[in-house]
Each structure stands twice: as structure tokens, then as C-alpha cells.
C-alpha atoms as a PDB file:
ATOM      1  CA  MET A   1      64.749  60.781 166.996  1.00  0.00           C
ATOM      2  CA  ALA A   2      64.781  58.861 163.721  1.00  0.00           C
ATOM      3  CA  TYR A   3      62.093  61.141 162.264  1.00  0.00           C
ATOM      4  CA  GLY A   4      63.976  64.275 163.285  1.00  0.00           C
ATOM      5  CA  ALA A   5      67.243  63.009 161.850  1.00  0.00           C
ATOM      6  CA  GLY A   6      65.583  62.078 158.549  1.00  0.00           C
ATOM      7  CA  ARG A   7      63.980  65.469 158.244  1.00  0.00           C
ATOM      8  CA  SER A   8      67.302  67.182 158.867  1.00  0.00           C
ATOM      9  CA  ARG A   9      68.946  65.125 156.142  1.00  0.00           C
ATOM     10  CA  LEU A  10      66.083  66.035 153.789  1.00  0.00           C
ATOM     11  CA  TYR A  11      66.500  69.744 154.450  1.00  0.00           C
ATOM     12  CA  ALA A  12      70.250  69.465 153.972  1.00  0.00           C
ATOM     13  CA  ALA A  13      69.840  67.681 150.629  1.00  0.00           C
ATOM     14  CA  TYR A  14      67.268  70.242 149.500  1.00  0.00           C
ATOM     15  CA  GLY A  15      69.581  73.122 150.426  1.00  0.00           C
ATOM     16  CA  LYS A  16      72.565  71.597 148.608  1.00  0.00           C
ATOM     17  CA  GLU A  17      70.506  70.948 145.511  1.00  0.00           C
ATOM     18  CA  GLU A  18      69.048  74.463 145.495  1.00  0.00           C
ATOM     19  CA  ALA A  19      72.484  76.036 145.897  1.00  0.00           C
ATOM     20  CA  LYS A  20      73.874  73.913 143.065  1.00  0.00           C
ATOM     21  CA  GLU A  21      70.997  74.808 140.734  1.00  0.00           C
ATOM     22  CA  ARG A  22      71.268  78.520 141.543  1.00  0.00           C
ATOM     23  CA  LYS A  23      74.987  78.468 140.828  1.00  0.00           C
ATOM     24  CA  GLN A  24      74.376  76.710 137.505  1.00  0.00           C
ATOM     25  CA  TYR A  25      71.626  79.175 136.578  1.00  0.00           C
ATOM     26  CA  GLU A  26      73.828  82.198 137.309  1.00  0.00           C
ATOM     27  CA  LYS A  27      76.632  80.651 135.258  1.00  0.00           C
ATOM     28  CA  ASP A  28      74.338  79.910 132.309  1.00  0.00           C
ATOM     29  CA  ILE A  29      72.647  83.308 132.222  1.00  0.00           C
ATOM     30  CA  ALA A  30      76.019  85.110 132.493  1.00  0.00           C
ATOM     31  CA  ALA A  31      77.421  83.036 129.611  1.00  0.00           C
ATOM     32  CA  ALA A  32      74.322  83.733 127.474  1.00  0.00           C
ATOM     33  CA  GLU A  33      74.555  87.481 128.049  1.00  0.00           C
ATOM     34  CA  ARG A  34      78.301  87.508 127.352  1.00  0.00           C
ATOM     35  CA  ALA A  35      77.953  85.535 124.115  1.00  0.00           C
ATOM     36  CA  ARG A  36      75.231  87.827 122.776  1.00  0.00           C
ATOM     37  CA  ARG A  37      77.159  90.951 123.743  1.00  0.00           C
ATOM     38  CA  ILE A  38      80.280  89.727 121.946  1.00  0.00           C
ATOM     39  CA  GLN A  39      78.224  88.801 118.900  1.00  0.00           C
ATOM     40  CA  SER A  40      76.564  92.224 118.798  1.00  0.00           C
ATOM     41  CA  GLU A  41      79.895  94.063 119.116  1.00  0.00           C
ATOM     42  CA  ARG A  42      81.460  91.836 116.474  1.00  0.00           C
ATOM     43  CA  LYS A  43      78.633  92.403 114.009  1.00  0.00           C
ATOM     44  CA  GLY A  44      78.742  96.148 114.580  1.00  0.00           C
ATOM     45  CA  LEU A  45      82.510  96.372 114.031  1.00  0.00           C
ATOM     46  CA  LEU A  46      82.623  94.080 110.978  1.00  0.00           C
ATOM     47  CA  GLY A  47      79.523  95.731 109.510  1.00  0.00           C
ATOM     48  CA  MET A  48      81.066  99.196 109.790  1.00  0.00           C
ATOM     49  CA  LEU A  49      84.372  97.962 108.356  1.00  0.00           C
ATOM     50  CA  GLY A  50      82.563  96.308 105.469  1.00  0.00           C
ATOM     51  CA  THR A  51      80.631  99.500 104.746  1.00  0.00           C
ATOM     52  CA  VAL A  52      83.795 101.611 104.571  1.00  0.00           C
ATOM     53  CA  VAL A  53      85.849  99.144 102.511  1.00  0.00           C
ATOM     54  CA  GLY A  54      82.971  98.235 100.207  1.00  0.00           C
ATOM     55  CA  GLY A  55      82.130 101.875  99.564  1.00  0.00           C
ATOM     56  CA  ALA A  56      85.763 102.798  98.912  1.00  0.00           C
ATOM     57  CA  LEU A  57      86.186 100.021  96.333  1.00  0.00           C
ATOM     58  CA  LEU A  58      82.742  99.528  94.795  1.00  0.00           C
ATOM     59  CA  GLY A  59      80.822 102.721  95.533  1.00  0.00           C
ATOM     60  CA  PRO A  60      77.246 102.886  96.862  1.00  0.00           C
ATOM     61  CA  VAL A  61      76.416  99.255  96.167  1.00  0.00           C
ATOM     62  CA  GLY A  62      79.598  98.254  97.967  1.00  0.00           C
ATOM     63  CA  MET A  63      78.419 100.005 101.118  1.00  0.00           C
ATOM     64  CA  VAL A  64      75.344  97.796 101.374  1.00  0.00           C
ATOM     65  CA  ALA A  65      77.106  94.611 100.290  1.00  0.00           C
ATOM     66  CA  GLY A  66      80.020  95.260 102.647  1.00  0.00           C
ATOM     67  CA  GLN A  67      77.794  95.820 105.647  1.00  0.00           C
ATOM     68  CA  ALA A  68      75.720  92.725 104.871  1.00  0.00           C
ATOM     69  CA  LEU A  69      78.833  90.550 104.596  1.00  0.00           C
ATOM     70  CA  GLY A  70      80.309  92.043 107.755  1.00  0.00           C
ATOM     71  CA  LYS A  71      77.191  91.410 109.803  1.00  0.00           C
ATOM     72  CA  PHE A  72      76.863  87.893 108.408  1.00  0.00           C
ATOM     73  CA  ALA A  73      80.471  87.114 109.315  1.00  0.00           C
ATOM     74  CA  GLY A  74      79.956  88.512 112.800  1.00  0.00           C
ATOM     75  CA  ASP A  75      76.780  86.496 113.253  1.00  0.00           C
ATOM     76  CA  ARG A  76      78.339  83.229 112.051  1.00  0.00           C
ATOM     77  CA  GLY A  77      81.372  83.613 114.273  1.00  0.00           C
ATOM     78  CA  THR A  78      81.543  81.447 117.364  1.00  0.00           C
ATOM     79  CA  ILE A  79      82.156  82.294 121.002  1.00  0.00           C
ATOM     80  CA  ASP A  80      84.259  79.642 122.694  1.00  0.00           C
ATOM     81  CA  GLY A  81      83.325  77.206 119.947  1.00  0.00           C
ATOM     82  CA  GLU A  82      79.543  77.759 120.024  1.00  0.00           C
ATOM     83  CA  GLN A  83      77.079  80.058 118.345  1.00  0.00           C
ATOM     84  CA  ALA A  84      75.704  82.824 120.529  1.00  0.00           C
ATOM     85  CA  GLU A  85      72.158  81.529 120.002  1.00  0.00           C
ATOM     86  CA  ASP A  86      73.157  78.152 121.482  1.00  0.00           C
ATOM     87  CA  TYR A  87      73.847  79.644 124.885  1.00  0.00           C
ATOM     88  CA  LYS A  88      70.735  78.885 126.919  1.00  0.00           C
ATOM     89  CA  VAL A  89      69.795  78.179 130.511  1.00  0.00           C
ATOM     90  CA  SER A  90      69.926  74.531 131.526  1.00  0.00           C
ATOM     91  CA  THR A  91      66.507  73.052 132.269  1.00  0.00           C
ATOM     92  CA  GLU A  92      67.899  70.035 134.098  1.00  0.00           C
ATOM     93  CA  THR A  93      66.940  70.086 137.753  1.00  0.00           C
ATOM     94  CA  GLY A  94      67.169  67.731 140.680  1.00  0.00           C
ATOM     95  CA  GLN A  95      64.362  65.900 142.383  1.00  0.00           C
ATOM     96  CA  PHE A  96      63.330  68.962 144.365  1.00  0.00           C
ATOM     97  CA  GLY A  97      63.371  71.491 141.516  1.00  0.00           C
ATOM     98  CA  ARG A  98      60.934  69.991 139.043  1.00  0.00           C
ATOM     99  CA  SER A  99      58.541  72.900 139.505  1.00  0.00           C
ATOM    100  CA  GLN A 100      61.165  75.349 138.204  1.00  0.00           C
ATOM    101  CA  VAL A 101      61.502  73.679 134.801  1.00  0.00           C
ATOM    102  CA  SER A 102      58.691  75.765 133.292  1.00  0.00           C
ATOM    103  CA  ASP A 103      60.343  78.982 134.536  1.00  0.00           C
ATOM    104  CA  LEU A 104      63.684  78.001 133.021  1.00  0.00           C
ATOM    105  CA  LYS A 105      62.038  77.199 129.683  1.00  0.00           C
ATOM    106  CA  ALA A 106      60.319  80.590 129.754  1.00  0.00           C
ATOM    107  CA  ILE A 107      63.735  82.249 130.177  1.00  0.00           C
ATOM    108  CA  ASN A 108      65.048  80.359 127.145  1.00  0.00           C
ATOM    109  CA  ARG A 109      62.069  81.549 125.113  1.00  0.00           C
ATOM    110  CA  GLU A 110      62.914  85.127 126.053  1.00  0.00           C
ATOM    111  CA  LEU A 111      66.471  84.586 124.852  1.00  0.00           C
ATOM    112  CA  THR A 112      65.123  83.272 121.547  1.00  0.00           C
ATOM    113  CA  ARG A 113      62.910  86.357 121.148  1.00  0.00           C
ATOM    114  CA  ALA A 114      65.926  88.565 121.807  1.00  0.00           C
ATOM    115  CA  ASP A 115      67.859  86.748 119.059  1.00  0.00           C
ATOM    116  CA  LYS A 116      65.031  87.323 116.570  1.00  0.00           C
ATOM    117  CA  ALA A 117      64.820  90.998 117.535  1.00  0.00           C
ATOM    118  CA  ASP A 118      68.548  91.296 116.885  1.00  0.00           C
ATOM    119  CA  ILE A 119      68.013  89.976 113.349  1.00  0.00           C
ATOM    120  CA  TRP A 120      65.394  92.650 112.684  1.00  0.00           C
ATOM    121  CA  ARG A 121      67.797  95.295 113.971  1.00  0.00           C
ATOM    122  CA  ASP A 122      70.291  94.117 111.385  1.00  0.00           C
ATOM    123  CA  VAL A 123      67.626  94.457 108.686  1.00  0.00           C
ATOM    124  CA  VAL A 124      66.895  98.031 109.800  1.00  0.00           C
ATOM    125  CA  ASP A 125      70.629  98.861 109.746  1.00  0.00           C
ATOM    126  CA  LEU A 126      70.901  97.543 106.194  1.00  0.00           C
ATOM    127  CA  GLY A 127      67.886  99.592 105.152  1.00  0.00           C
ATOM    128  CA  THR A 128      69.421 102.738 106.624  1.00  0.00           C
ATOM    129  CA  THR A 129      72.696 102.069 104.827  1.00  0.00           C
ATOM    130  CA  ALA A 130      70.820 101.444 101.570  1.00  0.00           C
ATOM    131  CA  MET A 131      69.073 104.822 101.818  1.00  0.00           C
ATOM    132  CA  THR A 132      72.400 106.511 102.550  1.00  0.00           C
ATOM    133  CA  ALA A 133      73.973 104.782  99.559  1.00  0.00           C
ATOM    134  CA  TRP A 134      71.042 105.871  97.376  1.00  0.00           C
ATOM    135  CA  THR A 135      71.612 109.488  98.356  1.00  0.00           C
ATOM    136  CA  MET A 136      75.394 109.355  98.013  1.00  0.00           C
ATOM    137  CA  GLY A 137      74.991 107.704  94.622  1.00  0.00           C
ATOM    138  CA  GLY A 138      73.086 110.721  93.332  1.00  0.00           C
ATOM    139  CA  GLY A 139      69.645 109.215  93.700  1.00  0.00           C
ATOM    140  CA  SER A 140      66.629 111.384  94.398  1.00  0.00           C
ATOM    141  CA  PHE A 141      62.890 111.216  93.883  1.00  0.00           C
ATOM    142  CA  LYS A 142      63.107 114.104  91.437  1.00  0.00           C
ATOM    143  CA  ASP A 143      65.754 112.456  89.297  1.00  0.00           C
ATOM    144  CA  PRO A 144      66.075 108.739  90.132  1.00  0.00           C
ATOM    145  CA  GLY A 145      67.816 108.064  86.823  1.00  0.00           C
ATOM    146  CA  ASN A 146      70.878 109.963  88.028  1.00  0.00           C
ATOM    147  CA  PHE A 147      71.639 107.238  90.576  1.00  0.00           C
ATOM    148  CA  SER A 148      74.820 105.242  90.015  1.00  0.00           C
ATOM    149  CA  LEU A 149      75.442 101.874  91.656  1.00  0.00           C
ATOM    150  CA  THR A 150      79.205 102.194  91.694  1.00  0.00           C
ATOM    151  CA  LYS A 151      79.992 105.924  91.590  1.00  0.00           C
ATOM    152  CA  PHE A 152      79.388 108.544  94.265  1.00  0.00           C
ATOM    153  CA  GLY A 153      77.666 111.766  93.283  1.00  0.00           C
ATOM    154  CA  GLY A 154      75.570 110.258  90.517  1.00  0.00           C
ATOM    155  CA  LYS A 155      76.040 109.990  86.775  1.00  0.00           C
ATOM    156  CA  ASP A 156      76.057 113.743  86.183  1.00  0.00           C
ATOM    157  CA  ALA A 157      78.785 114.335  88.755  1.00  0.00           C
ATOM    158  CA  VAL A 158      80.899 111.544  87.287  1.00  0.00           C
ATOM    159  CA  GLU A 159      80.664 112.987  83.786  1.00  0.00           C
ATOM    160  CA  ALA A 160      81.655 116.409  85.057  1.00  0.00           C
ATOM    161  CA  GLY A 161      84.418 115.235  87.385  1.00  0.00           C
ATOM    162  CA  GLY A 162      85.851 112.275  85.511  1.00  0.00           C
ATOM    163  CA  TYR A 163      86.503 109.630  88.161  1.00  0.00           C
ATOM    164  CA  GLY A 164      85.843 105.915  88.540  1.00  0.00           C
ATOM    165  CA  LYS A 165      83.882 103.730  90.924  1.00  0.00           C
ATOM    166  CA  GLY A 166      84.123 104.102  94.640  1.00  0.00           C
ATOM    167  CA  VAL A 167      86.695 106.413  96.146  1.00  0.00           C
ATOM    168  CA  PHE A 168      89.878 105.036  94.570  1.00  0.00           C
ATOM    169  CA  GLY A 169      88.581 103.906  91.171  1.00  0.00           C
ATOM    170  CA  LYS A 170      90.125 105.527  88.089  1.00  0.00           C
ATOM    171  CA  ALA A 171      88.023 106.894  85.268  1.00  0.00           C
ATOM    172  CA  GLY A 172      89.656 104.481  82.812  1.00  0.00           C
ATOM    173  CA  GLY A 173      89.524 101.472  85.113  1.00  0.00           C
ATOM    174  CA  GLY A 174      91.668 100.179  87.925  1.00  0.00           C
ATOM    175  CA  TYR A 175      92.469 101.877  91.212  1.00  0.00           C
ATOM    176  CA  GLY A 176      94.806 104.611  92.323  1.00  0.00           C
ATOM    177  CA  LEU A 177      95.188 107.901  94.213  1.00  0.00           C
ATOM    178  CA  GLY A 178      95.601 110.361  91.344  1.00  0.00           C
ATOM    179  CA  GLY A 179      93.451 113.151  90.020  1.00  0.00           C
ATOM    180  CA  ASP A 180      91.288 110.784  87.968  1.00  0.00           C
ATOM    181  CA  THR A 181      89.917 109.294  91.196  1.00  0.00           C
ATOM    182  CA  LEU A 182      87.414 110.730  93.641  1.00  0.00           C
ATOM    183  CA  TRP A 183      90.093 110.604  96.333  1.00  0.00           C
ATOM    184  CA  GLY A 184      92.459 112.733  94.277  1.00  0.00           C
ATOM    185  CA  GLN A 185      89.799 115.281  93.377  1.00  0.00           C
ATOM    186  CA  LEU A 186      88.637 115.634  96.962  1.00  0.00           C
ATOM    187  CA  GLY A 187      92.248 116.151  98.040  1.00  0.00           C
ATOM    188  CA  SER A 188      92.845 118.913  95.483  1.00  0.00           C
ATOM    189  CA  LYS A 189      89.603 120.670  96.418  1.00  0.00           C
ATOM    190  CA  THR A 190      90.480 120.508 100.105  1.00  0.00           C
ATOM    191  CA  ALA A 191      93.904 122.034  99.453  1.00  0.00           C
ATOM    192  CA  ALA A 192      92.384 124.796  97.341  1.00  0.00           C
ATOM    193  CA  SER A 193      89.758 125.654  99.932  1.00  0.00           C
ATOM    194  CA  SER A 194      92.410 125.736 102.672  1.00  0.00           C
ATOM    195  CA  THR A 195      94.503 128.205 100.671  1.00  0.00           C
ATOM    196  CA  ALA A 196      91.482 130.376  99.914  1.00  0.00           C
ATOM    197  CA  SER A 197      90.586 130.558 103.585  1.00  0.00           C
ATOM    198  CA  TYR A 198      93.944 132.212 104.360  1.00  0.00           C
ATOM    199  CA  VAL A 199      94.345 134.416 101.269  1.00  0.00           C
ATOM    200  CA  LYS A 200      91.278 136.375 100.224  1.00  0.00           C
ATOM    201  CA  PRO A 201      91.250 138.025  96.751  1.00  0.00           C
ATOM    202  CA  ASP A 202      89.352 141.080  97.918  1.00  0.00           C
ATOM    203  CA  ILE A 203      92.118 141.897 100.362  1.00  0.00           C
ATOM    204  CA  LEU A 204      94.871 141.462  97.779  1.00  0.00           C
ATOM    205  CA  GLU A 205      93.055 143.615  95.229  1.00  0.00           C
ATOM    206  CA  ALA A 206      92.199 146.472  97.617  1.00  0.00           C
ATOM    207  CA  ASP A 207      93.605 149.914  96.736  1.00  0.00           C
ATOM    208  CA  ILE A 208      95.824 151.174  99.561  1.00  0.00           C
ATOM    209  CA  SER A 209      97.751 153.798  97.590  1.00  0.00           C
ATOM    210  CA  GLY A 210      96.047 156.620  99.456  1.00  0.00           C
ATOM    211  CA  VAL A 211      97.014 155.215 102.820  1.00  0.00           C
ATOM    212  CA  LEU A 212     100.579 154.077 102.342  1.00  0.00           C
ATOM    213  CA  ASP A 213     103.194 156.648 101.445  1.00  0.00           C
ATOM    214  CA  GLN A 214     105.699 154.609  99.436  1.00  0.00           C
ATOM    215  CA  SER A 215     108.383 157.293  99.513  1.00  0.00           C
ATOM    216  CA  ARG A 216     108.472 157.516 103.279  1.00  0.00           C
ATOM    217  CA  GLY A 217     107.329 153.959 104.038  1.00  0.00           C
ATOM    218  CA  ARG A 218     104.828 155.037 106.694  1.00  0.00           C
ATOM    219  CA  LEU A 219     101.113 155.473 107.029  1.00  0.00           C
ATOM    220  CA  GLN A 220      99.620 158.812 106.032  1.00  0.00           C
ATOM    221  CA  LEU A 221      96.638 159.714 108.180  1.00  0.00           C
ATOM    222  CA  SER A 222      96.045 163.262 106.935  1.00  0.00           C
ATOM    223  CA  GLU A 223      92.570 163.570 108.337  1.00  0.00           C
ATOM    224  CA  PHE A 224      93.577 162.599 111.836  1.00  0.00           C
ATOM    225  CA  LYS A 225      94.090 165.538 114.230  1.00  0.00           C
ATOM    226  CA  PRO A 226      95.110 164.857 117.796  1.00  0.00           C
ATOM    227  CA  PRO A 227      93.116 166.723 120.441  1.00  0.00           C
ATOM    228  CA  GLU A 228      94.630 169.853 121.959  1.00  0.00           C
ATOM    229  CA  PHE A 229      96.190 169.204 125.325  1.00  0.00           C
ATOM    230  CA  LYS A 230      95.034 171.551 128.098  1.00  0.00           C
ATOM    231  CA  PRO A 231      96.886 171.176 131.387  1.00  0.00           C
ATOM    232  CA  ARG A 232      94.818 171.320 134.548  1.00  0.00           C
ATOM    233  CA  ARG A 233      95.750 172.876 137.844  1.00  0.00           C
ATOM    234  CA  GLN A 234      97.211 170.519 140.396  1.00  0.00           C
ATOM    235  CA  THR A 235      94.363 171.105 142.842  1.00  0.00           C
ATOM    236  CA  GLY A 236      91.848 169.478 140.488  1.00  0.00           C
ATOM    237  CA  ILE A 237      89.171 171.990 141.566  1.00  0.00           C
ATOM    238  CA  GLU A 238      89.168 175.162 139.518  1.00  0.00           C
ATOM    239  CA  THR A 239      85.918 176.923 140.378  1.00  0.00           C
ATOM    240  CA  MET A 240      83.778 177.466 143.402  1.00  0.00           C
ATOM    241  CA  GLY A 241      80.944 175.749 141.515  1.00  0.00           C
ATOM    242  CA  GLU A 242      82.890 172.511 141.348  1.00  0.00           C
ATOM    243  CA  TRP A 243      83.659 172.793 145.083  1.00  0.00           C
ATOM    244  CA  ARG A 244      79.955 173.130 145.887  1.00  0.00           C
ATOM    245  CA  GLU A 245      79.060 170.153 143.664  1.00  0.00           C
ATOM    246  CA  LEU A 246      81.494 167.982 145.593  1.00  0.00           C
ATOM    247  CA  PHE A 247      80.604 169.044 149.118  1.00  0.00           C
ATOM    248  CA  GLY A 248      77.021 170.094 148.595  1.00  0.00           C
END
């Protein structure tokens, strides 16, 4: 009886310890996934915001710098007071779970690899933004000297258009929304193109003097002759040939 009772207590202690460790593992892995998801969303949002604001104020170079600062701020931010990389699975086990320590450490190594892969994704995003900024700054392999760090469209476009750095920079310095900024010039071009899409010069300049009779104020269609109306008999069948065609 004593042996059976001791074995029952052993099984009960093992079951309680296993349940406690499983609950702790599920809590830790859920917290690690949540922290990394929040960090990724935060870096994406701040990186995009930095790209837009930096480009609007500083031009192509501002796009890259803004995204880098946004991602750095998102990465350095904490989740419930801790860095996302600090969320790991606890490797502390009871007296019955010592064999699981190596498995828990392997899970933590996978989380570390995922954090390093996320860093490389940030590097790729910055490279993509840099290539976009190079193109928007007028850079090309045919004429790399046309690239401008602070002005969209390149040096040639700036000389022709007369605007400052970024989107709101004035040609003479400072910021604004007038015609000496890229914002103002894009607005005027958009308004002009919208007007042209509704009013076409070729329609306005077309000669309609031969169609419109100004004295009478009505259309003159001299070449149009209505067909002569020929009434048919009410029966609808005029010849014996038609009757045969119908009834064979």
C-alpha cells in the first residue's frame, strides 16, 4: 500500500509540474510573438512616415535618412518596458523537466535567428528606398551627374522648373506652397491638365459654318433625304408567291 500511494503522489507531482511548465511555455512564446509583431508594425509605420516627411523636406536624401531614422526608432522602442529581442522562452524547469532544457534553448536560438533576419530585411528596405531616391533625384547610368541629393527630377529639371529642395522648398531658400516650389508647380500642372481633358482645342477650332444655319438657328442637313413611304395592304400578303413561301 505504501508503494502504491508513493507512486500515485509521484505521478500527481509530475502532472502538476508538466502542466505548469506547459502553461509557462505557451505564455512565453505568445509574448515573444506579440512583441516581435508589434516591433515589425512599428518599424514599418515609422519608416514609411520618415520616408514621406524626409522626402518632402529634404528631397531624395531625406527619403533614405527618414526611413532609417523611422526604423531605428521603431526598433529601439519597448513593448511593456522591454525590447522585443528580450522576449524569450524560459529555460527554467522543475525536477522532472530537465530533459526539455535543450529543446527550450533551441527555441530561443530560433528566435535570435528571426531577429537577425529582421535586421537584414530592414537593410533590403533601405536599399530599395535608396534606389528609388536615386531615380527620383534624376540619377541614371547614362547621366549620373544629373542626380541631385536634395531636389527631385535632377539638376536639369530644377534649372528648368525653378524650385527648391524636396517638395515644399523654395528656389530661393525656405519652404512654402507657392509656384517656386515643386508642390506649387505640380498643382498648376494638374489643374491645367484637368482643364485640357474637358476642353479640347480641335473641337473649339472646328468649322461648323456649313452645318449650322445661323439665321434660322437649326441644323441644315441638305444631303439627307428621307426614304419614300409606301403603305402596305393590311393583309400583309400581296402576291401568291409570298403565300406559297409561307405555307410551302
